[in-house]
């Protein structure tokens, strides 16, 4: 018997032998599972690192809001979760509707102070505004009456404020209204890194010392550009294409300003330095535009889901060129339009909405030529968030509008 024959009949040393290809397949599957698991773990770790820096940075960024909740919402919207955020906010507002009726705590309506020069004919400034007729009855003492605030220009008040209830139903709310003399004040649009995005821009937070010497007021601009349905022009560059028909705040080289439906009577030319668009006109020809509905959130409040009565703000222009600003809580879109009309606006646009973004601050240094600072600033309503300091902070990333004292009033007097 040959050796090969002996080997053929020799019993296996370690039990039955399996074909090598079976072991090879199992090994390959085992290695593949290890590689897949390692890849998933690596992706998960990378995601957690990104989430830590991205979300963590957002939660620490005051430019995204004054509360952690608002910062998280802004971060989520910026990362494709707008529908989830809107649904969540909608559910919250659905279960926390603004109260009907109710009374105001004492002192909620501002007691008017002396108004300074009145009934004086001058080419240098506009006639002081007439008191606003309150919507709710009976009127509370001081409701709708104007008081001068902020730095005066050559001794003349340039800004007047008043407080009143927004309608006859939600009588536990107070909104603020501001009247601004555009003969005494010049407007500037300050851009931010988040609105319109990009930069740097010639005018951006923080407000510089040279501008603080004449600053009288600063207030919020419009929506994030993704929701504004409009464009943005500044410093000779169209950052976002301007939309024909869009409500537009226009600033000219001489500091004058206007609110128009873009392209109807105003188009880009060398005299314009800034255009900020936001939705469509809310008021036109001295009346709320046709088709306004209090419960319409598809056009006028998308960034808050289906919330209706929320913090809103708007800006209008009167027949004689004064600017009027309205801001406050518990406002639906018809309330905002009615307030702007009653303040004298012939054309008006909605500005930003939501608690964290509605802010109007005036500044009154101890001397007429003193620097405007956070310490001598004052908010239109005590409940406004952000404080007058936000416009002096380098981290403030949203656009805003400033009103500054003219320097040639003495030469303009007639």
Protein backbone atom coordinates (compact mmCIF):
# COMPACT_ATOMS: atom_id res chain seq x y z
CA UNK A 1 0.00 0.00 0.00
CA UNK A 2 1.40 3.27 -1.01
CA UNK A 3 1.71 6.31 1.30
CA UNK A 4 -0.96 8.15 -0.63
CA UNK A 5 -3.37 5.27 -0.07
CA UNK A 6 -2.61 5.26 3.66
CA UNK A 7 -3.24 9.02 3.86
CA UNK A 8 -6.53 8.62 2.01
CA UNK A 9 -7.95 6.32 4.73
CA UNK A 10 -6.34 8.04 7.76
CA UNK A 11 -9.06 9.48 10.06
CA UNK A 12 -9.11 13.26 10.56
CA UNK A 13 -6.93 14.51 13.39
CA UNK A 14 -9.37 17.17 14.68
CA UNK A 15 -12.79 15.99 13.67
CA UNK A 16 -14.52 16.47 10.36
CA UNK A 17 -12.83 18.92 8.07
CA UNK A 18 -14.96 21.57 6.28
CA UNK A 19 -14.12 23.02 2.95
CA UNK A 20 -11.84 26.01 3.17
CA UNK A 21 -14.22 28.20 1.16
CA UNK A 22 -16.77 28.04 4.04
CA UNK A 23 -14.24 29.46 6.52
CA UNK A 24 -13.20 32.08 4.00
CA UNK A 25 -16.81 33.30 3.52
CA UNK A 26 -17.45 33.52 7.26
CA UNK A 27 -14.24 35.44 7.78
CA UNK A 28 -15.14 37.88 5.06
CA UNK A 29 -18.61 38.43 6.56
CA UNK A 30 -17.13 38.93 10.02
CA UNK A 31 -14.62 41.48 8.72
CA UNK A 32 -17.34 43.25 6.75
CA UNK A 33 -19.51 43.56 9.86
CA UNK A 34 -16.57 44.98 11.79
CA UNK A 35 -15.86 47.51 9.03
CA UNK A 36 -19.53 48.56 8.86
CA UNK A 37 -19.73 48.92 12.64
CA UNK A 38 -16.52 50.95 12.67
CA UNK A 39 -17.79 53.18 9.87
CA UNK A 40 -21.13 53.77 11.64
CA UNK A 41 -19.30 54.54 14.88
CA UNK A 42 -16.97 56.94 13.08
CA UNK A 43 -19.91 58.72 11.40
CA UNK A 44 -21.76 58.91 14.72
CA UNK A 45 -18.74 60.35 16.48
CA UNK A 46 -18.23 62.90 13.70
CA UNK A 47 -21.92 63.87 13.94
CA UNK A 48 -21.70 64.27 17.72
CA UNK A 49 -18.60 66.45 17.38
CA UNK A 50 -20.32 68.60 14.74
CA UNK A 51 -23.50 68.80 16.85
CA UNK A 52 -21.52 69.82 19.91
CA UNK A 53 -19.82 72.68 18.13
CA UNK A 54 -22.78 73.71 15.94
CA UNK A 55 -25.63 73.52 18.44
CA UNK A 56 -23.42 74.38 21.39
CA UNK A 57 -22.16 77.47 19.60
CA UNK A 58 -25.73 78.48 18.73
CA UNK A 59 -26.93 78.10 22.32
CA UNK A 60 -24.11 80.38 23.45
CA UNK A 61 -24.74 82.95 20.72
CA UNK A 62 -26.87 85.88 22.00
CA UNK A 63 -27.35 87.08 18.41
CA UNK A 64 -29.76 84.16 17.95
CA UNK A 65 -32.04 85.32 20.77
CA UNK A 66 -32.18 86.12 24.44
CA UNK A 67 -33.32 82.65 25.56
CA UNK A 68 -32.00 79.14 25.00
CA UNK A 69 -35.33 78.19 23.45
CA UNK A 70 -35.19 80.92 20.82
CA UNK A 71 -31.54 80.11 20.03
CA UNK A 72 -32.36 76.45 19.57
CA UNK A 73 -35.31 77.38 17.31
CA UNK A 74 -33.12 79.63 15.14
CA UNK A 75 -30.46 76.92 14.90
CA UNK A 76 -33.07 74.29 13.95
CA UNK A 77 -34.58 76.55 11.29
CA UNK A 78 -31.16 77.07 9.82
CA UNK A 79 -30.63 73.32 9.57
CA UNK A 80 -33.78 72.25 7.77
CA UNK A 81 -36.18 71.82 10.69
CA UNK A 82 -38.42 74.84 10.09
CA UNK A 83 -41.56 72.72 9.80
CA UNK A 84 -40.88 71.03 13.15
CA UNK A 85 -40.15 74.36 14.86
CA UNK A 86 -43.25 75.95 13.36
CA UNK A 87 -45.43 73.05 14.48
CA UNK A 88 -44.02 73.21 18.01
CA UNK A 89 -44.56 76.97 18.23
CA UNK A 90 -48.04 76.60 16.77
CA UNK A 91 -48.97 74.07 19.45
CA UNK A 92 -47.62 76.35 22.17
CA UNK A 93 -49.54 79.39 20.95
CA UNK A 94 -52.67 77.28 20.43
CA UNK A 95 -52.67 76.45 24.12
CA UNK A 96 -51.55 79.93 25.22
CA UNK A 97 -53.82 82.33 23.33
CA UNK A 98 -53.76 86.02 24.27
CA UNK A 99 -56.29 86.73 27.02
CA UNK A 100 -59.53 88.45 26.10
CA UNK A 101 -60.39 91.45 28.22
CA UNK A 102 -58.55 92.13 31.44
CA UNK A 103 -57.14 95.23 33.03
CA UNK A 104 -53.69 96.76 33.05
CA UNK A 105 -51.44 97.09 36.08
CA UNK A 106 -51.06 100.70 37.24
CA UNK A 107 -48.40 102.58 35.27
CA UNK A 108 -48.70 100.44 32.12
CA UNK A 109 -49.84 103.49 30.15
CA UNK A 110 -47.09 106.08 30.13
CA UNK A 111 -47.87 109.42 31.72
CA UNK A 112 -47.18 112.08 29.08
CA UNK A 113 -44.46 114.64 29.73
CA UNK A 114 -44.07 118.13 28.32
CA UNK A 115 -43.64 118.10 24.59
CA UNK A 116 -41.26 121.03 24.08
CA UNK A 117 -41.78 123.41 21.16
CA UNK A 118 -45.28 123.16 19.67
CA UNK A 119 -47.23 125.09 17.09
CA UNK A 120 -44.06 126.75 15.85
CA UNK A 121 -43.73 127.31 12.13
CA UNK A 122 -40.30 126.28 10.95
CA UNK A 123 -38.78 124.68 7.91
CA UNK A 124 -36.36 122.88 10.21
CA UNK A 125 -38.78 120.42 11.81
CA UNK A 126 -42.22 118.90 11.40
CA UNK A 127 -45.32 119.85 13.41
CA UNK A 128 -45.69 117.69 16.51
CA UNK A 129 -48.15 114.80 16.07
CA UNK A 130 -51.71 114.96 17.32
CA UNK A 131 -52.73 112.52 20.06
CA UNK A 132 -53.77 109.06 18.87
CA UNK A 133 -57.38 108.09 19.47
CA UNK A 134 -57.40 104.92 21.64
CA UNK A 135 -59.10 101.78 20.36
CA UNK A 136 -60.36 100.64 23.75
CA UNK A 137 -63.01 102.52 25.71
CA UNK A 138 -63.04 104.13 28.15
CA UNK A 139 -59.56 105.49 27.51
CA UNK A 140 -56.99 105.35 30.28
CA UNK A 141 -55.42 108.64 31.29
CA UNK A 142 -52.43 109.30 29.03
CA UNK A 143 -53.39 106.64 26.48
CA UNK A 144 -52.43 107.85 23.01
CA UNK A 145 -50.75 111.05 24.29
CA UNK A 146 -47.21 111.74 23.07
CA UNK A 147 -44.07 112.35 25.10
CA UNK A 148 -40.67 113.44 23.75
CA UNK A 149 -37.81 110.99 24.30
CA UNK A 150 -34.17 110.72 23.34
CA UNK A 151 -31.54 113.23 22.37
CA UNK A 152 -32.92 116.58 21.25
CA UNK A 153 -31.66 118.23 18.10
CA UNK A 154 -30.73 121.86 18.75
CA UNK A 155 -33.15 121.78 21.68
CA UNK A 156 -36.04 120.39 19.61
CA UNK A 157 -37.55 116.93 20.35
CA UNK A 158 -37.02 114.66 17.36
CA UNK A 159 -38.86 111.58 18.67
CA UNK A 160 -42.18 111.19 20.45
CA UNK A 161 -43.56 108.01 22.00
CA UNK A 162 -46.94 106.90 23.28
CA UNK A 163 -48.53 103.73 24.66
CA UNK A 164 -52.05 102.36 24.18
CA UNK A 165 -54.03 99.16 24.05
CA UNK A 166 -53.98 97.56 20.58
CA UNK A 167 -57.72 96.92 20.25
CA UNK A 168 -60.95 96.76 22.21
CA UNK A 169 -60.63 93.00 22.85
CA UNK A 170 -57.14 92.33 24.23
CA UNK A 171 -57.25 95.04 26.85
CA UNK A 172 -54.54 93.57 29.05
CA UNK A 173 -51.88 94.33 26.44
CA UNK A 174 -50.01 97.57 25.77
CA UNK A 175 -48.14 98.45 22.59
CA UNK A 176 -45.77 101.30 21.89
CA UNK A 177 -45.87 103.80 19.02
CA UNK A 178 -43.02 106.12 17.99
CA UNK A 179 -43.17 109.23 15.79
CA UNK A 180 -39.85 110.36 14.26
CA UNK A 181 -39.16 113.77 12.70
CA UNK A 182 -37.25 113.08 9.49
CA UNK A 183 -36.28 116.74 9.15
CA UNK A 184 -34.29 116.43 12.37
CA UNK A 185 -33.14 112.84 11.86
CA UNK A 186 -31.34 110.92 9.15
CA UNK A 187 -31.73 107.18 8.70
CA UNK A 188 -29.06 104.50 8.22
CA UNK A 189 -29.40 100.79 7.52
CA UNK A 190 -26.92 98.68 9.48
CA UNK A 191 -26.30 95.22 7.98
CA UNK A 192 -25.50 92.04 9.88
CA UNK A 193 -23.72 88.80 9.16
CA UNK A 194 -26.96 86.80 9.44
CA UNK A 195 -29.04 89.43 7.61
CA UNK A 196 -28.40 89.66 4.73
CA UNK A 197 -25.45 87.32 5.28
CA UNK A 198 -21.89 87.72 4.18
CA UNK A 199 -20.07 90.96 4.82
CA UNK A 200 -18.21 92.73 6.21
CA UNK A 201 -20.32 95.83 5.62
CA UNK A 202 -19.45 99.53 6.02
CA UNK A 203 -22.24 99.87 8.60
CA UNK A 204 -22.52 96.97 11.01
CA UNK A 205 -22.68 96.45 14.79
CA UNK A 206 -21.21 97.65 16.99
CA UNK A 207 -22.22 101.27 16.44
CA UNK A 208 -18.99 103.23 16.27
CA UNK A 209 -18.09 106.21 18.47
CA UNK A 210 -18.42 108.65 15.58
CA UNK A 211 -22.03 107.52 14.99
CA UNK A 212 -22.83 107.40 18.72
CA UNK A 213 -22.21 111.17 18.92
CA UNK A 214 -25.43 111.81 17.00
CA UNK A 215 -27.42 108.60 17.61
CA UNK A 216 -31.01 109.18 18.78
CA UNK A 217 -32.66 105.78 18.24
CA UNK A 218 -32.15 102.27 16.84
CA UNK A 219 -34.71 99.60 16.03
CA UNK A 220 -35.14 96.20 14.42
CA UNK A 221 -35.43 95.69 10.67
CA UNK A 222 -37.20 92.77 8.95
CA UNK A 223 -37.35 88.99 8.67
CA UNK A 224 -34.50 86.65 7.86
CA UNK A 225 -34.07 86.99 4.11
CA UNK A 226 -35.25 83.43 3.47
CA UNK A 227 -38.66 84.49 4.80
CA UNK A 228 -38.72 88.15 3.70
CA UNK A 229 -39.83 87.50 0.11
CA UNK A 230 -37.65 90.39 -0.95
CA UNK A 231 -34.13 91.62 -1.50
CA UNK A 232 -31.37 93.69 0.05
CA UNK A 233 -29.18 96.46 -1.37
CA UNK A 234 -26.44 98.30 0.47
CA UNK A 235 -23.06 99.95 -0.14
CA UNK A 236 -23.50 99.87 -3.90
CA UNK A 237 -24.14 96.12 -4.06
CA UNK A 238 -27.28 94.05 -4.52
CA UNK A 239 -26.74 91.41 -1.85
CA UNK A 240 -30.08 89.73 -2.64
CA UNK A 241 -32.08 90.60 -5.79
CA UNK A 242 -34.78 93.21 -5.23
CA UNK A 243 -38.33 92.08 -5.94
CA UNK A 244 -40.69 94.35 -7.85
CA UNK A 245 -43.71 95.23 -5.75
CA UNK A 246 -42.08 94.32 -2.42
CA UNK A 247 -42.48 96.64 0.55
CA UNK A 248 -39.18 98.53 0.73
CA UNK A 249 -37.50 100.81 3.22
CA UNK A 250 -35.31 103.07 1.10
CA UNK A 251 -32.46 105.22 2.45
CA UNK A 252 -31.01 108.03 0.34
CA UNK A 253 -27.54 109.58 0.40
CA UNK A 254 -28.82 112.70 2.15
CA UNK A 255 -30.20 110.57 5.00
CA UNK A 256 -33.84 110.91 4.01
CA UNK A 257 -35.94 107.76 3.74
CA UNK A 258 -39.13 106.41 2.26
CA UNK A 259 -41.38 103.34 2.30
CA UNK A 260 -42.60 102.23 -1.12
CA UNK A 261 -43.70 99.30 -3.23
CA UNK A 262 -40.46 98.72 -5.12
CA UNK A 263 -40.42 99.45 -8.82
CA UNK A 264 -43.70 101.34 -8.95
CA UNK A 265 -42.25 104.81 -8.44
CA UNK A 266 -38.73 104.09 -7.14
CA UNK A 267 -35.95 102.10 -8.77
CA UNK A 268 -32.22 101.88 -8.12
CA UNK A 269 -30.29 105.05 -8.87
CA UNK A 270 -27.17 106.85 -7.64
CA UNK A 271 -29.08 108.69 -4.88
CA UNK A 272 -30.01 105.44 -3.04
CA UNK A 273 -27.61 103.88 -0.54
CA UNK A 274 -29.79 101.13 0.98
CA UNK A 275 -32.95 99.17 0.27
CA UNK A 276 -34.40 96.71 2.76
CA UNK A 277 -37.40 94.71 1.55
CA UNK A 278 -39.85 92.71 3.66
CA UNK A 279 -43.04 91.13 2.30
CA UNK A 280 -45.60 93.49 0.67
CA UNK A 281 -47.00 96.82 1.78
CA UNK A 282 -49.25 96.48 4.82
CA UNK A 283 -50.72 99.98 4.48
CA UNK A 284 -51.18 101.89 1.24
CA UNK A 285 -52.97 105.17 0.50
CA UNK A 286 -53.61 105.61 4.21
CA UNK A 287 -55.58 102.36 4.56
CA UNK A 288 -54.79 98.73 5.39
CA UNK A 289 -54.26 96.83 2.14
CA UNK A 290 -57.16 94.77 0.85
CA UNK A 291 -57.50 91.16 1.91
CA UNK A 292 -55.97 91.40 5.39
CA UNK A 293 -57.29 88.73 7.76
CA UNK A 294 -56.49 88.56 11.44
CA UNK A 295 -55.93 84.79 11.27
CA UNK A 296 -53.73 84.86 8.16
CA UNK A 297 -50.31 83.47 9.03
CA UNK A 298 -49.33 82.18 5.61
CA UNK A 299 -48.08 85.58 4.46
CA UNK A 300 -47.54 87.73 7.53
CA UNK A 301 -46.22 85.38 10.19
CA UNK A 302 -44.58 82.35 8.59
CA UNK A 303 -41.60 82.44 10.91
CA UNK A 304 -43.86 81.72 13.86
CA UNK A 305 -45.79 78.89 12.30
CA UNK A 306 -49.51 79.46 12.70
CA UNK A 307 -49.23 81.83 15.64
CA UNK A 308 -51.51 84.83 15.16
CA UNK A 309 -51.33 87.21 18.11
CA UNK A 310 -47.62 87.63 18.77
CA UNK A 311 -45.00 90.31 19.17
CA UNK A 312 -44.97 92.27 15.91
CA UNK A 313 -43.46 95.48 14.62
CA UNK A 314 -44.06 97.74 11.66
CA UNK A 315 -42.78 100.95 10.11
CA UNK A 316 -44.79 103.57 8.25
CA UNK A 317 -44.38 106.99 6.66
CA UNK A 318 -46.85 109.86 7.09
CA UNK A 319 -48.06 112.33 4.48
CA UNK A 320 -45.50 114.92 5.63
CA UNK A 321 -42.62 112.42 5.73
CA UNK A 322 -42.42 111.47 9.41
CA UNK A 323 -41.65 107.83 10.23
CA UNK A 324 -43.89 105.94 12.66
CA UNK A 325 -42.88 102.70 14.36
CA UNK A 326 -45.27 100.30 16.11
CA UNK A 327 -44.17 97.41 18.31
CA UNK A 328 -45.71 95.26 21.00
CA UNK A 329 -47.20 91.93 22.12
CA UNK A 330 -50.49 90.24 21.28
CA UNK A 331 -50.76 91.73 17.79
CA UNK A 332 -52.35 90.13 14.76
CA UNK A 333 -51.70 91.58 11.34
CA UNK A 334 -54.87 93.67 11.23
CA UNK A 335 -54.08 95.17 14.64
CA UNK A 336 -50.65 96.20 13.37
CA UNK A 337 -52.10 97.77 10.22
CA UNK A 338 -54.80 99.63 12.15
CA UNK A 339 -52.26 101.02 14.62
CA UNK A 340 -50.00 102.25 11.82
CA UNK A 341 -52.93 103.95 10.08
CA UNK A 342 -54.08 105.60 13.29
CA UNK A 343 -50.53 106.85 13.83
CA UNK A 344 -50.82 108.63 10.48
CA UNK A 345 -49.07 106.23 8.09
CA UNK A 346 -49.99 106.52 4.42
CA UNK A 347 -47.71 103.59 3.54
CA UNK A 348 -46.32 100.99 5.90
CA UNK A 349 -44.58 97.61 6.03
CA UNK A 350 -44.30 94.86 8.61
CA UNK A 351 -40.88 94.51 10.21
CA UNK A 352 -39.67 91.58 12.31
CA UNK A 353 -41.89 89.55 14.62
CA UNK A 354 -41.32 87.38 17.70
CA UNK A 355 -40.36 88.38 21.21
CA UNK A 356 -36.61 88.28 20.70
CA UNK A 357 -36.50 90.53 17.65
CA UNK A 358 -38.96 93.39 18.27
CA UNK A 359 -36.97 96.21 19.85
CA UNK A 360 -36.95 100.00 19.72
CA UNK A 361 -34.39 101.86 21.83
CA UNK A 362 -33.91 105.60 22.20
CA UNK A 363 -30.79 107.26 23.65
CA UNK A 364 -30.54 110.41 25.72
CA UNK A 365 -27.00 111.40 26.78
CA UNK A 366 -26.64 113.92 29.58
CA UNK A 367 -25.42 116.54 27.10
CA UNK A 368 -26.63 117.31 23.59
CA UNK A 369 -23.28 116.29 22.10
CA UNK A 370 -22.72 113.32 24.41
CA UNK A 371 -22.20 109.74 23.29
CA UNK A 372 -25.21 107.45 23.04
CA UNK A 373 -24.48 104.32 25.07
CA UNK A 374 -26.32 101.34 26.48
CA UNK A 375 -26.43 103.07 29.87
CA UNK A 376 -28.38 106.07 28.59
CA UNK A 377 -30.63 104.00 26.35
CA UNK A 378 -34.28 103.25 27.02
CA UNK A 379 -36.65 100.72 25.46
CA UNK A 380 -40.03 101.67 24.07
CA UNK A 381 -41.68 99.00 26.25
CA UNK A 382 -40.17 97.50 29.43
CA UNK A 383 -41.01 93.98 28.20
CA UNK A 384 -38.88 94.32 25.07
CA UNK A 385 -35.92 91.94 25.14
CA UNK A 386 -32.34 92.55 24.15
CA UNK A 387 -31.90 95.87 25.97
CA UNK A 388 -30.52 99.03 24.30
CA UNK A 389 -27.06 97.42 24.45
CA UNK A 390 -27.57 95.00 21.56
CA UNK A 391 -26.68 97.57 18.90
CA UNK A 392 -23.34 98.27 20.60
CA UNK A 393 -22.30 94.61 20.66
CA UNK A 394 -19.97 93.14 18.02
CA UNK A 395 -21.85 89.84 18.12
CA UNK A 396 -25.16 91.40 17.04
CA UNK A 397 -25.63 89.77 13.64
CA UNK A 398 -29.03 91.08 12.48
CA UNK A 399 -29.66 94.19 10.46
CA UNK A 400 -31.20 97.25 12.11
CA UNK A 401 -32.06 100.87 11.43
CA UNK A 402 -30.67 103.92 13.22
CA UNK A 403 -31.96 107.47 13.40
CA UNK A 404 -29.30 110.14 14.01
CA UNK A 405 -29.45 113.88 14.59
CA UNK A 406 -28.82 116.08 11.59
CA UNK A 407 -25.93 118.50 11.97
CA UNK A 408 -27.26 121.35 9.86
CA UNK A 409 -30.49 122.26 11.64
CA UNK A 410 -29.42 125.85 12.35
CA UNK A 411 -28.88 126.43 8.65
CA UNK A 412 -32.24 124.87 7.82
CA UNK A 413 -34.40 127.10 10.01
CA UNK A 414 -36.77 129.39 8.16
